[in-house]
Amino acid sequence: MNTPSPLERWIEPLVQLARRIEPWAQSLVLLAARLYLLDVFFKSGLTKVHDWEATLFLFTEEYHVPVLPPVLAAWMGTGGELVFSSLLAIGLFSRPAAVGVFMLNAVAAFSYPDISPAGLKDHVLWAVLSFALVVFGPGRLALDAWLMPRLFPSLLRMR
């Protein structure tokens, strides 16, 4: 029988602690990402609602959203910012909401031709955070964690 070394005896409790807190630590990081995206996108949506005439001007003159008419793009962009960020904040339908935020962010980054390097870095950060939420989900601190197993129990059995 192999006796553990003093270093192994010292490290083993730390490894056990890390295994116990890891899911909650990940959930806290995912919650922080969700709340950060809420702050950015919800405020942007509120700004658009607050001065709708300016919003329509920007979508007509500055933003060049492909395919969509400017008024429709303004409505969809504003609604998406408010709805998707709110869903992310409470953790409800989080993955589809994160896809929505990712797409809004991509359209915004590509449709504004005069974006600064600093602005582009912000868009990259928002893309990475929203993509992480698509890949990893919202974590344990979300309504999805409670609701989805009740709505779709067969999906849990597939894991």
Protein backbone atom coordinates (compact mmCIF):
# COMPACT_ATOMS: atom_id res chain seq x y z
CA MET A 1 0.00 0.00 0.00
CA ASN A 2 1.31 3.41 -0.98
CA THR A 3 1.30 6.05 1.77
CA PRO A 4 0.38 9.54 0.53
CA SER A 5 3.14 12.11 0.73
CA PRO A 6 2.76 15.17 2.98
CA LEU A 7 2.10 17.28 -0.12
CA GLU A 8 -0.66 14.90 -1.30
CA ARG A 9 -2.25 14.96 2.18
CA TRP A 10 -2.20 18.77 2.08
CA ILE A 11 -3.57 19.07 -1.47
CA GLU A 12 -6.34 16.45 -1.27
CA PRO A 13 -8.68 18.55 0.95
CA LEU A 14 -8.21 21.50 -1.44
CA VAL A 15 -9.09 19.32 -4.41
CA GLN A 16 -12.23 18.07 -2.62
CA LEU A 17 -13.24 21.64 -1.77
CA ALA A 18 -12.69 22.76 -5.36
CA ARG A 19 -14.89 19.89 -6.62
CA ARG A 20 -17.69 20.97 -4.27
CA ILE A 21 -17.65 24.70 -5.06
CA GLU A 22 -16.84 24.52 -8.80
CA PRO A 23 -20.46 24.25 -10.04
CA TRP A 24 -21.50 27.18 -7.85
CA ALA A 25 -18.45 29.25 -8.80
CA GLN A 26 -19.22 28.65 -12.48
CA SER A 27 -22.84 29.64 -11.85
CA LEU A 28 -21.74 32.89 -10.20
CA VAL A 29 -19.51 33.73 -13.18
CA LEU A 30 -22.35 32.96 -15.61
CA LEU A 31 -24.72 35.10 -13.52
CA ALA A 32 -22.20 37.96 -13.66
CA ALA A 33 -22.04 37.60 -17.46
CA ARG A 34 -25.85 37.62 -17.70
CA LEU A 35 -26.15 40.72 -15.51
CA TYR A 36 -23.38 42.52 -17.40
CA LEU A 37 -25.14 41.88 -20.71
CA LEU A 38 -28.40 43.08 -19.14
CA ASP A 39 -26.70 46.31 -18.12
CA VAL A 40 -25.33 46.94 -21.61
CA PHE A 41 -28.24 45.88 -23.78
CA PHE A 42 -31.18 46.90 -21.60
CA LYS A 43 -29.76 50.40 -21.14
CA SER A 44 -29.21 50.63 -24.88
CA GLY A 45 -32.82 49.61 -25.51
CA LEU A 46 -34.11 52.14 -22.96
CA THR A 47 -32.05 54.87 -24.60
CA LYS A 48 -33.64 54.05 -27.94
CA VAL A 49 -37.17 54.08 -26.45
CA HIS A 50 -36.50 57.33 -24.59
CA ASP A 51 -35.74 59.22 -27.81
CA TRP A 52 -37.50 57.30 -30.55
CA GLU A 53 -37.08 60.07 -33.13
CA ALA A 54 -33.31 59.98 -32.69
CA THR A 55 -33.42 56.19 -32.90
CA LEU A 56 -35.27 56.31 -36.20
CA PHE A 57 -32.81 58.91 -37.50
CA LEU A 58 -29.84 56.73 -36.56
CA PHE A 59 -31.33 53.63 -38.16
CA THR A 60 -32.13 55.63 -41.29
CA GLU A 61 -28.89 57.61 -41.64
CA GLU A 62 -26.10 55.96 -39.63
CA TYR A 63 -26.74 52.25 -39.15
CA HIS A 64 -26.84 50.25 -42.33
CA VAL A 65 -28.68 47.10 -41.30
CA PRO A 66 -28.72 44.77 -44.28
CA VAL A 67 -32.05 43.64 -45.83
CA LEU A 68 -34.38 45.24 -43.27
CA PRO A 69 -36.09 48.61 -43.71
CA PRO A 70 -34.75 51.12 -41.12
CA VAL A 71 -38.01 51.40 -39.13
CA LEU A 72 -38.37 47.63 -38.84
CA ALA A 73 -34.69 47.31 -37.90
CA ALA A 74 -35.18 49.94 -35.17
CA TRP A 75 -38.20 48.13 -33.74
CA MET A 76 -36.53 44.72 -33.87
CA GLY A 77 -33.24 45.96 -32.47
CA THR A 78 -34.85 47.86 -29.61
CA GLY A 79 -37.25 45.05 -28.76
CA GLY A 80 -34.48 42.49 -28.93
CA GLU A 81 -32.24 44.49 -26.61
CA LEU A 82 -35.01 44.85 -24.03
CA VAL A 83 -36.46 41.33 -24.24
CA PHE A 84 -33.35 39.19 -24.72
CA SER A 85 -31.37 40.99 -22.00
CA SER A 86 -34.30 40.67 -19.57
CA LEU A 87 -34.60 36.94 -20.25
CA LEU A 88 -30.87 36.54 -19.70
CA ALA A 89 -31.02 38.43 -16.41
CA ILE A 90 -33.63 36.10 -14.91
CA GLY A 91 -32.17 33.06 -16.62
CA LEU A 92 -35.30 32.14 -18.58
CA PHE A 93 -34.88 30.61 -22.06
CA SER A 94 -31.28 31.66 -21.60
CA ARG A 95 -29.66 29.92 -24.53
CA PRO A 96 -32.11 31.29 -27.14
CA ALA A 97 -31.85 34.72 -25.48
CA ALA A 98 -28.04 34.53 -25.63
CA VAL A 99 -28.25 33.65 -29.33
CA GLY A 100 -30.49 36.71 -29.76
CA VAL A 101 -28.02 38.97 -27.96
CA PHE A 102 -25.17 37.50 -30.00
CA MET A 103 -27.03 38.22 -33.25
CA LEU A 104 -28.02 41.76 -32.19
CA ASN A 105 -24.41 42.42 -31.28
CA ALA A 106 -23.12 41.06 -34.58
CA VAL A 107 -25.59 43.11 -36.62
CA ALA A 108 -24.73 46.23 -34.62
CA ALA A 109 -20.99 45.71 -35.08
CA PHE A 110 -21.27 45.06 -38.82
CA SER A 111 -23.89 47.68 -39.65
CA TYR A 112 -22.06 50.66 -38.17
CA PRO A 113 -19.20 51.48 -40.55
CA ASP A 114 -17.44 54.03 -38.32
CA ILE A 115 -16.97 51.82 -35.26
CA SER A 116 -13.84 52.69 -33.29
CA PRO A 117 -11.27 50.09 -32.19
CA ALA A 118 -12.45 50.52 -28.58
CA GLY A 119 -16.05 50.02 -29.66
CA LEU A 120 -15.07 46.93 -31.59
CA LYS A 121 -13.38 45.52 -28.47
CA ASP A 122 -16.63 46.01 -26.55
CA HIS A 123 -18.52 44.11 -29.24
CA VAL A 124 -15.98 41.28 -29.09
CA LEU A 125 -16.40 41.06 -25.31
CA TRP A 126 -20.20 40.96 -25.62
CA ALA A 127 -19.93 38.30 -28.31
CA VAL A 128 -17.67 36.12 -26.16
CA LEU A 129 -19.95 36.45 -23.12
CA SER A 130 -23.11 35.69 -25.06
CA PHE A 131 -21.43 32.76 -26.84
CA ALA A 132 -20.28 31.37 -23.47
CA LEU A 133 -23.90 31.48 -22.28
CA VAL A 134 -25.00 29.61 -25.41
CA VAL A 135 -22.36 26.93 -24.84
CA PHE A 136 -22.50 26.56 -21.03
CA GLY A 137 -26.06 27.68 -20.30
CA PRO A 138 -27.06 30.08 -17.54
CA GLY A 139 -25.81 28.03 -14.59
CA ARG A 140 -27.62 26.96 -11.44
CA LEU A 141 -28.67 30.48 -10.48
CA ALA A 142 -31.29 30.78 -13.22
CA LEU A 143 -34.96 29.99 -13.71
CA ASP A 144 -33.94 27.58 -16.46
CA ALA A 145 -32.17 25.41 -13.87
CA TRP A 146 -35.48 24.92 -12.08
CA LEU A 147 -37.92 25.09 -15.00
CA MET A 148 -36.30 23.07 -17.80
CA PRO A 149 -36.06 19.76 -15.87
CA ARG A 150 -39.78 20.07 -15.14
CA LEU A 151 -40.74 20.98 -18.71
CA PHE A 152 -38.37 18.60 -20.51
CA PRO A 153 -37.42 15.74 -18.15
CA SER A 154 -36.59 13.46 -21.09
CA LEU A 155 -33.72 15.76 -22.09
CA LEU A 156 -32.01 15.15 -18.75
CA ARG A 157 -32.15 11.39 -19.27
CA MET A 158 -30.25 11.83 -22.57
CA ARG A 159 -27.10 13.10 -20.83
